[in-house]
Amino acid sequence: MVQKILNNLIGSKYVGILRAWVPNMVAWGTVGGVALIHFTDWRLFLDYVPYVKGKFEEDE
């Protein structure tokens, strides 16, 4: 059903091109997300992970 709508909307040629690029875009998106966490304040992101959050309790 979705493929039929996309074929009518953008054409079957471009649907085939999109299908070929989706795995590549997912891989680069994952690499970009990991790089974002690595080069920024990683603890800001890891505070939202419940298991890791308990390891970094503030000392008072």
Protein backbone atom coordinates (compact mmCIF):
# COMPACT_ATOMS: atom_id res chain seq x y z
CA MET A 1 0.00 0.00 0.00
CA VAL A 2 2.75 2.48 0.95
CA GLN A 3 4.78 1.51 -2.09
CA LYS A 4 1.77 2.12 -4.32
CA ILE A 5 1.31 5.60 -2.86
CA LEU A 6 5.02 6.40 -3.23
CA ASN A 7 5.01 5.11 -6.82
CA ASN A 8 2.14 7.44 -7.65
CA LEU A 9 3.65 10.34 -5.74
CA ILE A 10 7.32 10.30 -6.78
CA GLY A 11 7.64 7.48 -9.31
CA SER A 12 9.00 3.95 -9.19
CA LYS A 13 12.51 5.01 -10.29
CA TYR A 14 12.97 7.22 -7.25
CA VAL A 15 11.42 4.64 -4.92
CA GLY A 16 14.12 2.20 -6.05
CA ILE A 17 16.83 4.80 -5.46
CA LEU A 18 15.41 5.54 -2.01
CA ARG A 19 15.36 1.84 -1.11
CA ALA A 20 19.03 1.58 -2.05
CA TRP A 21 19.97 4.58 0.09
CA VAL A 22 17.97 3.84 3.26
CA PRO A 23 20.52 1.42 4.82
CA ASN A 24 23.32 3.87 4.07
CA MET A 25 21.40 6.76 5.64
CA VAL A 26 20.64 4.68 8.74
CA ALA A 27 24.32 3.76 9.12
CA TRP A 28 25.52 7.35 8.75
CA GLY A 29 22.80 8.57 11.09
CA THR A 30 24.00 6.12 13.71
CA VAL A 31 27.60 7.22 13.23
CA GLY A 32 26.53 10.85 13.50
CA GLY A 33 24.60 10.16 16.71
CA VAL A 34 27.56 8.39 18.30
CA ALA A 35 29.89 11.22 17.20
CA LEU A 36 27.50 13.80 18.67
CA ILE A 37 27.54 12.03 22.03
CA HIS A 38 31.31 11.54 21.87
CA PHE A 39 32.23 15.15 21.07
CA THR A 40 29.69 16.81 23.35
CA ASP A 41 29.01 16.38 27.03
CA TRP A 42 28.39 12.63 26.99
CA ARG A 43 27.14 12.67 30.55
CA LEU A 44 24.27 14.94 29.52
CA PHE A 45 23.01 12.15 27.25
CA LEU A 46 23.81 9.27 29.62
CA ASP A 47 21.83 10.85 32.46
CA TYR A 48 18.70 9.73 30.58
CA VAL A 49 19.81 6.07 30.60
CA PRO A 50 18.43 4.64 33.86
CA TYR A 51 21.16 2.04 34.47
CA VAL A 52 24.02 4.47 33.89
CA LYS A 53 22.44 7.39 35.78
CA GLY A 54 22.92 5.75 39.17
CA LYS A 55 26.65 5.39 38.64
CA PHE A 56 27.23 9.14 38.49
CA GLU A 57 25.57 10.38 41.65
CA GLU A 58 26.75 13.80 42.78
CA ASP A 59 28.94 13.85 45.89
CA GLU A 60 27.70 16.26 48.53
